[in-house]
Amino acid sequence: SRAEALKPPSPFDTVLARAVAPLPKLLNAVRTLCDANTRVVALKGRQPAAELAELPAGWQLLSSRAVQLPGVAAERHVLTLGLRPR
């Protein structure tokens, strides 16, 4: 099922995403699964500067780390995002 259809009894601690959608669309889709303590971890290709510039209101990049995946020559980054404290 889709993330938007999930109705968890409480927010998740971590949401993992790989090849789901551009960051703005992904974060909007998982917003109801998150609170200020949730971390969204997304695997992306090259550092997605354009996607990061378009983050939905309230979201922030917490960390970005370049990673090398075994058997994959292409550039990859693990991004950790969270909601800004109110």
PDB file of N, CA and C in Angstrom:
ATOM      1  N   SER A   1       0.839  -1.179   0.000  1.00  0.00           N
ATOM      2  CA  SER A   1       0.000   0.000   0.000  1.00  0.00           C
ATOM      3  C   SER A   1       0.887   1.246   0.000  1.00  0.00           C
ATOM      4  N   ARG A   2       0.272   2.372  -0.120  1.00  0.00           N
ATOM      5  CA  ARG A   2       0.999   3.634  -0.183  1.00  0.00           C
ATOM      6  C   ARG A   2       1.218   4.211   1.213  1.00  0.00           C
ATOM      7  N   ALA A   3       2.301   4.947   1.387  1.00  0.00           N
ATOM      8  CA  ALA A   3       2.606   5.565   2.684  1.00  0.00           C
ATOM      9  C   ALA A   3       1.460   6.461   3.143  1.00  0.00           C
ATOM     10  N   GLU A   4       0.836   7.156   2.210  1.00  0.00           N
ATOM     11  CA  GLU A   4      -0.252   8.065   2.554  1.00  0.00           C
ATOM     12  C   GLU A   4      -1.438   7.324   3.163  1.00  0.00           C
ATOM     13  N   ALA A   5      -1.564   6.029   2.886  1.00  0.00           N
ATOM     14  CA  ALA A   5      -2.695   5.237   3.382  1.00  0.00           C
ATOM     15  C   ALA A   5      -2.452   4.665   4.774  1.00  0.00           C
ATOM     16  N   LEU A   6      -1.208   4.669   5.228  1.00  0.00           N
ATOM     17  CA  LEU A   6      -0.900   4.122   6.545  1.00  0.00           C
ATOM     18  C   LEU A   6      -1.423   5.033   7.647  1.00  0.00           C
ATOM     19  N   LYS A   7      -1.951   4.429   8.681  1.00  0.00           N
ATOM     20  CA  LYS A   7      -2.449   5.173   9.837  1.00  0.00           C
ATOM     21  C   LYS A   7      -1.858   4.548  11.102  1.00  0.00           C
ATOM     22  N   PRO A   8      -0.549   4.776  11.350  1.00  0.00           N
ATOM     23  CA  PRO A   8       0.066   4.157  12.525  1.00  0.00           C
ATOM     24  C   PRO A   8      -0.477   4.780  13.812  1.00  0.00           C
ATOM     25  N   PRO A   9      -0.483   4.005  14.904  1.00  0.00           N
ATOM     26  CA  PRO A   9      -0.969   4.542  16.181  1.00  0.00           C
ATOM     27  C   PRO A   9      -0.072   5.646  16.737  1.00  0.00           C
ATOM     28  N   SER A  10       1.186   5.646  16.337  1.00  0.00           N
ATOM     29  CA  SER A  10       2.118   6.702  16.738  1.00  0.00           C
ATOM     30  C   SER A  10       3.133   6.886  15.614  1.00  0.00           C
ATOM     31  N   PRO A  11       3.821   8.029  15.581  1.00  0.00           N
ATOM     32  CA  PRO A  11       4.798   8.278  14.522  1.00  0.00           C
ATOM     33  C   PRO A  11       5.945   7.265  14.565  1.00  0.00           C
ATOM     34  N   PHE A  12       6.547   7.045  13.421  1.00  0.00           N
ATOM     35  CA  PHE A  12       7.711   6.166  13.325  1.00  0.00           C
ATOM     36  C   PHE A  12       8.959   6.898  13.814  1.00  0.00           C
ATOM     37  N   ASP A  13       9.939   6.139  14.301  1.00  0.00           N
ATOM     38  CA  ASP A  13      11.234   6.717  14.661  1.00  0.00           C
ATOM     39  C   ASP A  13      12.036   7.035  13.405  1.00  0.00           C
ATOM     40  N   THR A  14      11.944   6.121  12.418  1.00  0.00           N
ATOM     41  CA  THR A  14      12.722   6.241  11.187  1.00  0.00           C
ATOM     42  C   THR A  14      11.871   5.793  10.008  1.00  0.00           C
ATOM     43  N   VAL A  15      11.992   6.526   8.907  1.00  0.00           N
ATOM     44  CA  VAL A  15      11.370   6.142   7.648  1.00  0.00           C
ATOM     45  C   VAL A  15      12.505   5.992   6.646  1.00  0.00           C
ATOM     46  N   LEU A  16      12.611   4.818   6.005  1.00  0.00           N
ATOM     47  CA  LEU A  16      13.641   4.563   5.000  1.00  0.00           C
ATOM     48  C   LEU A  16      13.020   4.618   3.615  1.00  0.00           C
ATOM     49  N   ALA A  17      13.729   5.228   2.678  1.00  0.00           N
ATOM     50  CA  ALA A  17      13.209   5.336   1.318  1.00  0.00           C
ATOM     51  C   ALA A  17      14.333   5.169   0.308  1.00  0.00           C
ATOM     52  N   ARG A  18      14.032   4.392  -0.714  1.00  0.00           N
ATOM     53  CA  ARG A  18      14.984   4.193  -1.797  1.00  0.00           C
ATOM     54  C   ARG A  18      14.221   4.209  -3.111  1.00  0.00           C
ATOM     55  N   ALA A  19      14.603   5.106  -4.007  1.00  0.00           N
ATOM     56  CA  ALA A  19      14.013   5.188  -5.344  1.00  0.00           C
ATOM     57  C   ALA A  19      12.497   5.336  -5.294  1.00  0.00           C
ATOM     58  N   VAL A  20      12.020   6.221  -4.402  1.00  0.00           N
ATOM     59  CA  VAL A  20      10.574   6.421  -4.267  1.00  0.00           C
ATOM     60  C   VAL A  20      10.107   7.579  -5.135  1.00  0.00           C
ATOM     61  N   ALA A  21      10.678   8.753  -4.910  1.00  0.00           N
ATOM     62  CA  ALA A  21      10.234   9.968  -5.591  1.00  0.00           C
ATOM     63  C   ALA A  21      11.239  11.074  -5.280  1.00  0.00           C
ATOM     64  N   PRO A  22      11.140  12.195  -5.973  1.00  0.00           N
ATOM     65  CA  PRO A  22      11.965  13.349  -5.576  1.00  0.00           C
ATOM     66  C   PRO A  22      11.666  13.708  -4.119  1.00  0.00           C
ATOM     67  N   LEU A  23      12.634  14.283  -3.434  1.00  0.00           N
ATOM     68  CA  LEU A  23      12.494  14.572  -2.001  1.00  0.00           C
ATOM     69  C   LEU A  23      11.224  15.331  -1.629  1.00  0.00           C
ATOM     70  N   PRO A  24      10.849  16.396  -2.328  1.00  0.00           N
ATOM     71  CA  PRO A  24       9.627  17.090  -1.922  1.00  0.00           C
ATOM     72  C   PRO A  24       8.399  16.172  -1.938  1.00  0.00           C
ATOM     73  N   LYS A  25       8.261  15.375  -2.957  1.00  0.00           N
ATOM     74  CA  LYS A  25       7.118  14.459  -3.053  1.00  0.00           C
ATOM     75  C   LYS A  25       7.198  13.373  -1.978  1.00  0.00           C
ATOM     76  N   LEU A  26       8.391  12.828  -1.762  1.00  0.00           N
ATOM     77  CA  LEU A  26       8.585  11.810  -0.738  1.00  0.00           C
ATOM     78  C   LEU A  26       8.206  12.344   0.640  1.00  0.00           C
ATOM     79  N   LEU A  27       8.713  13.523   0.998  1.00  0.00           N
ATOM     80  CA  LEU A  27       8.463  14.077   2.330  1.00  0.00           C
ATOM     81  C   LEU A  27       6.991  14.409   2.530  1.00  0.00           C
ATOM     82  N   ASN A  28       6.327  14.885   1.499  1.00  0.00           N
ATOM     83  CA  ASN A  28       4.885  15.120   1.607  1.00  0.00           C
ATOM     84  C   ASN A  28       4.135  13.802   1.803  1.00  0.00           C
ATOM     85  N   ALA A  29       4.589  12.740   1.159  1.00  0.00           N
ATOM     86  CA  ALA A  29       3.914  11.440   1.254  1.00  0.00           C
ATOM     87  C   ALA A  29       4.051  10.820   2.645  1.00  0.00           C
ATOM     88  N   VAL A  30       5.197  11.029   3.297  1.00  0.00           N
ATOM     89  CA  VAL A  30       5.432  10.379   4.597  1.00  0.00           C
ATOM     90  C   VAL A  30       5.140  11.297   5.782  1.00  0.00           C
ATOM     91  N   ARG A  31       4.719  12.507   5.541  1.00  0.00           N
ATOM     92  CA  ARG A  31       4.539  13.490   6.617  1.00  0.00           C
ATOM     93  C   ARG A  31       3.647  12.982   7.753  1.00  0.00           C
ATOM     94  N   THR A  32       2.582  12.269   7.425  1.00  0.00           N
ATOM     95  CA  THR A  32       1.673  11.795   8.470  1.00  0.00           C
ATOM     96  C   THR A  32       2.263  10.657   9.296  1.00  0.00           C
ATOM     97  N   LEU A  33       3.410  10.131   8.882  1.00  0.00           N
ATOM     98  CA  LEU A  33       4.087   9.058   9.612  1.00  0.00           C
ATOM     99  C   LEU A  33       5.138   9.606  10.564  1.00  0.00           C
ATOM    100  N   CYS A  34       5.336  10.927  10.542  1.00  0.00           N
ATOM    101  CA  CYS A  34       6.475  11.543  11.227  1.00  0.00           C
ATOM    102  C   CYS A  34       6.048  12.534  12.297  1.00  0.00           C
ATOM    103  N   ASP A  35       6.974  12.734  13.242  1.00  0.00           N
ATOM    104  CA  ASP A  35       6.878  13.853  14.174  1.00  0.00           C
ATOM    105  C   ASP A  35       8.271  14.458  14.283  1.00  0.00           C
ATOM    106  N   ALA A  36       8.479  15.348  15.220  1.00  0.00           N
ATOM    107  CA  ALA A  36       9.758  16.050  15.333  1.00  0.00           C
ATOM    108  C   ALA A  36      10.924  15.130  15.651  1.00  0.00           C
ATOM    109  N   ASN A  37      10.656  13.914  16.132  1.00  0.00           N
ATOM    110  CA  ASN A  37      11.724  12.974  16.464  1.00  0.00           C
ATOM    111  C   ASN A  37      12.014  11.967  15.358  1.00  0.00           C
ATOM    112  N   THR A  38      11.222  11.964  14.301  1.00  0.00           N
ATOM    113  CA  THR A  38      11.389  11.014  13.205  1.00  0.00           C
ATOM    114  C   THR A  38      12.516  11.459  12.290  1.00  0.00           C
ATOM    115  N   ARG A  39      13.280  10.504  11.821  1.00  0.00           N
ATOM    116  CA  ARG A  39      14.306  10.749  10.814  1.00  0.00           C
ATOM    117  C   ARG A  39      13.886  10.033   9.542  1.00  0.00           C
ATOM    118  N   VAL A  40      13.974  10.740   8.426  1.00  0.00           N
ATOM    119  CA  VAL A  40      13.716  10.150   7.112  1.00  0.00           C
ATOM    120  C   VAL A  40      15.075   9.958   6.458  1.00  0.00           C
ATOM    121  N   VAL A  41      15.391   8.720   6.115  1.00  0.00           N
ATOM    122  CA  VAL A  41      16.672   8.375   5.503  1.00  0.00           C
ATOM    123  C   VAL A  41      16.394   7.995   4.058  1.00  0.00           C
ATOM    124  N   ALA A  42      16.992   8.736   3.128  1.00  0.00           N
ATOM    125  CA  ALA A  42      16.738   8.523   1.711  1.00  0.00           C
ATOM    126  C   ALA A  42      18.042   8.274   0.970  1.00  0.00           C
ATOM    127  N   LEU A  43      18.062   7.226   0.166  1.00  0.00           N
ATOM    128  CA  LEU A  43      19.212   6.946  -0.696  1.00  0.00           C
ATOM    129  C   LEU A  43      18.975   7.655  -2.017  1.00  0.00           C
ATOM    130  N   LYS A  44      19.915   8.497  -2.402  1.00  0.00           N
ATOM    131  CA  LYS A  44      19.823   9.237  -3.652  1.00  0.00           C
ATOM    132  C   LYS A  44      21.084   9.001  -4.459  1.00  0.00           C
ATOM    133  N   GLY A  45      21.046   9.388  -5.710  1.00  0.00           N
ATOM    134  CA  GLY A  45      22.216   9.299  -6.572  1.00  0.00           C
ATOM    135  C   GLY A  45      23.154  10.448  -6.260  1.00  0.00           C
ATOM    136  N   ARG A  46      23.427  11.261  -7.272  1.00  0.00           N
ATOM    137  CA  ARG A  46      24.264  12.435  -7.040  1.00  0.00           C
ATOM    138  C   ARG A  46      23.598  13.342  -6.009  1.00  0.00           C
ATOM    139  N   GLN A  47      24.386  14.154  -5.336  1.00  0.00           N
ATOM    140  CA  GLN A  47      23.838  15.080  -4.347  1.00  0.00           C
ATOM    141  C   GLN A  47      22.718  15.883  -5.023  1.00  0.00           C
ATOM    142  N   PRO A  48      21.483  15.746  -4.563  1.00  0.00           N
ATOM    143  CA  PRO A  48      20.331  16.347  -5.252  1.00  0.00           C
ATOM    144  C   PRO A  48      20.078  17.798  -4.839  1.00  0.00           C
ATOM    145  N   ALA A  49      20.943  18.705  -5.255  1.00  0.00           N
ATOM    146  CA  ALA A  49      20.852  20.111  -4.841  1.00  0.00           C
ATOM    147  C   ALA A  49      19.496  20.721  -5.182  1.00  0.00           C
ATOM    148  N   ALA A  50      18.974  20.453  -6.365  1.00  0.00           N
ATOM    149  CA  ALA A  50      17.686  21.042  -6.769  1.00  0.00           C
ATOM    150  C   ALA A  50      16.554  20.530  -5.872  1.00  0.00           C
ATOM    151  N   GLU A  51      16.566  19.235  -5.555  1.00  0.00           N
ATOM    152  CA  GLU A  51      15.538  18.670  -4.680  1.00  0.00           C
ATOM    153  C   GLU A  51      15.639  19.261  -3.274  1.00  0.00           C
ATOM    154  N   LEU A  52      16.857  19.411  -2.784  1.00  0.00           N
ATOM    155  CA  LEU A  52      17.055  19.968  -1.444  1.00  0.00           C
ATOM    156  C   LEU A  52      16.593  21.422  -1.367  1.00  0.00           C
ATOM    157  N   ALA A  53      16.739  22.164  -2.459  1.00  0.00           N
ATOM    158  CA  ALA A  53      16.298  23.555  -2.491  1.00  0.00           C
ATOM    159  C   ALA A  53      14.777  23.661  -2.449  1.00  0.00           C
ATOM    160  N   GLU A  54      14.090  22.572  -2.769  1.00  0.00           N
ATOM    161  CA  GLU A  54      12.626  22.571  -2.830  1.00  0.00           C
ATOM    162  C   GLU A  54      11.973  21.790  -1.682  1.00  0.00           C
ATOM    163  N   LEU A  55      12.691  21.600  -0.581  1.00  0.00           N
ATOM    164  CA  LEU A  55      12.108  20.852   0.536  1.00  0.00           C
ATOM    165  C   LEU A  55      10.819  21.523   1.004  1.00  0.00           C
ATOM    166  N   PRO A  56       9.806  20.729   1.338  1.00  0.00           N
ATOM    167  CA  PRO A  56       8.566  21.318   1.854  1.00  0.00           C
ATOM    168  C   PRO A  56       8.826  22.086   3.154  1.00  0.00           C
ATOM    169  N   ALA A  57       7.957  23.032   3.439  1.00  0.00           N
ATOM    170  CA  ALA A  57       8.073  23.835   4.659  1.00  0.00           C
ATOM    171  C   ALA A  57       8.152  22.929   5.884  1.00  0.00           C
ATOM    172  N   GLY A  58       9.060  23.284   6.772  1.00  0.00           N
ATOM    173  CA  GLY A  58       9.200  22.547   8.023  1.00  0.00           C
ATOM    174  C   GLY A  58      10.267  21.472   8.002  1.00  0.00           C
ATOM    175  N   TRP A  59      10.720  21.072   6.823  1.00  0.00           N
ATOM    176  CA  TRP A  59      11.722  20.006   6.718  1.00  0.00           C
ATOM    177  C   TRP A  59      13.117  20.591   6.601  1.00  0.00           C
ATOM    178  N   GLN A  60      14.110  19.846   7.094  1.00  0.00           N
ATOM    179  CA  GLN A  60      15.503  20.266   6.978  1.00  0.00           C
ATOM    180  C   GLN A  60      16.399  19.065   6.724  1.00  0.00           C
ATOM    181  N   LEU A  61      17.503  19.314   6.046  1.00  0.00           N
ATOM    182  CA  LEU A  61      18.532  18.298   5.850  1.00  0.00           C
ATOM    183  C   LEU A  61      19.370  18.233   7.112  1.00  0.00           C
ATOM    184  N   LEU A  62      19.471  17.057   7.707  1.00  0.00           N
ATOM    185  CA  LEU A  62      20.258  16.878   8.928  1.00  0.00           C
ATOM    186  C   LEU A  62      21.668  16.399   8.618  1.00  0.00           C
ATOM    187  N   SER A  63      21.794  15.555   7.585  1.00  0.00           N
ATOM    188  CA  SER A  63      23.123  15.094   7.191  1.00  0.00           C
ATOM    189  C   SER A  63      23.078  14.532   5.779  1.00  0.00           C
ATOM    190  N   SER A  64      24.237  14.525   5.161  1.00  0.00           N
ATOM    191  CA  SER A  64      24.406  13.948   3.831  1.00  0.00           C
ATOM    192  C   SER A  64      25.750  13.244   3.818  1.00  0.00           C
ATOM    193  N   ARG A  65      25.742  12.019   3.348  1.00  0.00           N
ATOM    194  CA  ARG A  65      26.985  11.245   3.336  1.00  0.00           C
ATOM    195  C   ARG A  65      27.122  10.512   2.005  1.00  0.00           C
ATOM    196  N   ALA A  66      28.243  10.694   1.332  1.00  0.00           N
ATOM    197  CA  ALA A  66      28.531   9.945   0.115  1.00  0.00           C
ATOM    198  C   ALA A  66      28.857   8.511   0.510  1.00  0.00           C
ATOM    199  N   VAL A  67      28.312   7.556  -0.215  1.00  0.00           N
ATOM    200  CA  VAL A  67      28.571   6.146   0.072  1.00  0.00           C
ATOM    201  C   VAL A  67      28.927   5.421  -1.214  1.00  0.00           C
ATOM    202  N   GLN A  68      29.702   4.371  -1.080  1.00  0.00           N
ATOM    203  CA  GLN A  68      30.058   3.507  -2.194  1.00  0.00           C
ATOM    204  C   GLN A  68      29.361   2.176  -1.976  1.00  0.00           C
ATOM    205  N   LEU A  69      28.491   1.814  -2.895  1.00  0.00           N
ATOM    206  CA  LEU A  69      27.779   0.544  -2.794  1.00  0.00           C
ATOM    207  C   LEU A  69      28.533  -0.523  -3.568  1.00  0.00           C
ATOM    208  N   PRO A  70      28.701  -1.705  -2.995  1.00  0.00           N
ATOM    209  CA  PRO A  70      29.404  -2.781  -3.691  1.00  0.00           C
ATOM    210  C   PRO A  70      28.752  -3.081  -5.043  1.00  0.00           C
ATOM    211  N   GLY A  71      29.571  -3.122  -6.077  1.00  0.00           N
ATOM    212  CA  GLY A  71      29.083  -3.459  -7.407  1.00  0.00           C
ATOM    213  C   GLY A  71      28.389  -2.319  -8.136  1.00  0.00           C
ATOM    214  N   VAL A  72      28.375  -1.126  -7.541  1.00  0.00           N
ATOM    215  CA  VAL A  72      27.719   0.027  -8.166  1.00  0.00           C
ATOM    216  C   VAL A  72      28.761   1.122  -8.357  1.00  0.00           C
ATOM    217  N   ALA A  73      28.994   1.499  -9.604  1.00  0.00           N
ATOM    218  CA  ALA A  73      29.999   2.521  -9.890  1.00  0.00           C
ATOM    219  C   ALA A  73      29.436   3.935  -9.742  1.00  0.00           C
ATOM    220  N   ALA A  74      28.126   4.083  -9.809  1.00  0.00           N
ATOM    221  CA  ALA A  74      27.506   5.402  -9.766  1.00  0.00           C
ATOM    222  C   ALA A  74      27.589   6.026  -8.372  1.00  0.00           C
ATOM    223  N   GLU A  75      27.583   7.340  -8.365  1.00  0.00           N
ATOM    224  CA  GLU A  75      27.626   8.098  -7.122  1.00  0.00           C
ATOM    225  C   GLU A  75      26.324   7.905  -6.340  1.00  0.00           C
ATOM    226  N   ARG A  76      26.415   7.740  -5.020  1.00  0.00           N
ATOM    227  CA  ARG A  76      25.247   7.582  -4.157  1.00  0.00           C
ATOM    228  C   ARG A  76      25.443   8.409  -2.887  1.00  0.00           C
ATOM    229  N   HIS A  77      24.340   8.891  -2.363  1.00  0.00           N
ATOM    230  CA  HIS A  77      24.347   9.658  -1.115  1.00  0.00           C
ATOM    231  C   HIS A  77      23.225   9.175  -0.215  1.00  0.00           C
ATOM    232  N   VAL A  78      23.508   9.129   1.070  1.00  0.00           N
ATOM    233  CA  VAL A  78      22.480   8.846   2.064  1.00  0.00           C
ATOM    234  C   VAL A  78      22.164  10.177   2.736  1.00  0.00           C
ATOM    235  N   LEU A  79      20.903  10.591   2.600  1.00  0.00           N
ATOM    236  CA  LEU A  79      20.448  11.841   3.192  1.00  0.00           C
ATOM    237  C   LEU A  79      19.582  11.544   4.406  1.00  0.00           C
ATOM    238  N   THR A  80      19.775  12.287   5.467  1.00  0.00           N
ATOM    239  CA  THR A  80      18.916  12.182   6.641  1.00  0.00           C
ATOM    240  C   THR A  80      18.209  13.522   6.795  1.00  0.00           C
ATOM    241  N   LEU A  81      16.882  13.433   6.870  1.00  0.00           N
ATOM    242  CA  LEU A  81      16.059  14.636   6.958  1.00  0.00           C
ATOM    243  C   LEU A  81      15.152  14.545   8.174  1.00  0.00           C
ATOM    244  N   GLY A  82      14.730  15.700   8.662  1.00  0.00           N
ATOM    245  CA  GLY A  82      13.811  15.731   9.792  1.00  0.00           C
ATOM    246  C   GLY A  82      12.998  17.001   9.777  1.00  0.00           C
ATOM    247  N   LEU A  83      11.978  17.008  10.602  1.00  0.00           N
ATOM    248  CA  LEU A  83      11.158  18.197  10.751  1.00  0.00           C
ATOM    249  C   LEU A  83      11.872  19.187  11.655  1.00  0.00           C
ATOM    250  N   ARG A  84      11.804  20.451  11.306  1.00  0.00           N
ATOM    251  CA  ARG A  84      12.398  21.488  12.148  1.00  0.00           C
ATOM    252  C   ARG A  84      11.612  21.595  13.449  1.00  0.00           C
ATOM    253  N   PRO A  85      12.310  21.835  14.547  1.00  0.00           N
ATOM    254  CA  PRO A  85      11.594  22.062  15.814  1.00  0.00           C
ATOM    255  C   PRO A  85      10.724  23.310  15.686  1.00  0.00           C
ATOM    256  N   ARG A  86       9.576  23.275  16.328  1.00  0.00           N
ATOM    257  CA  ARG A  86       8.654  24.428  16.243  1.00  0.00           C
ATOM    258  C   ARG A  86       9.015  25.486  17.237  1.00  0.00           C
TER     259      ARG A  86
END
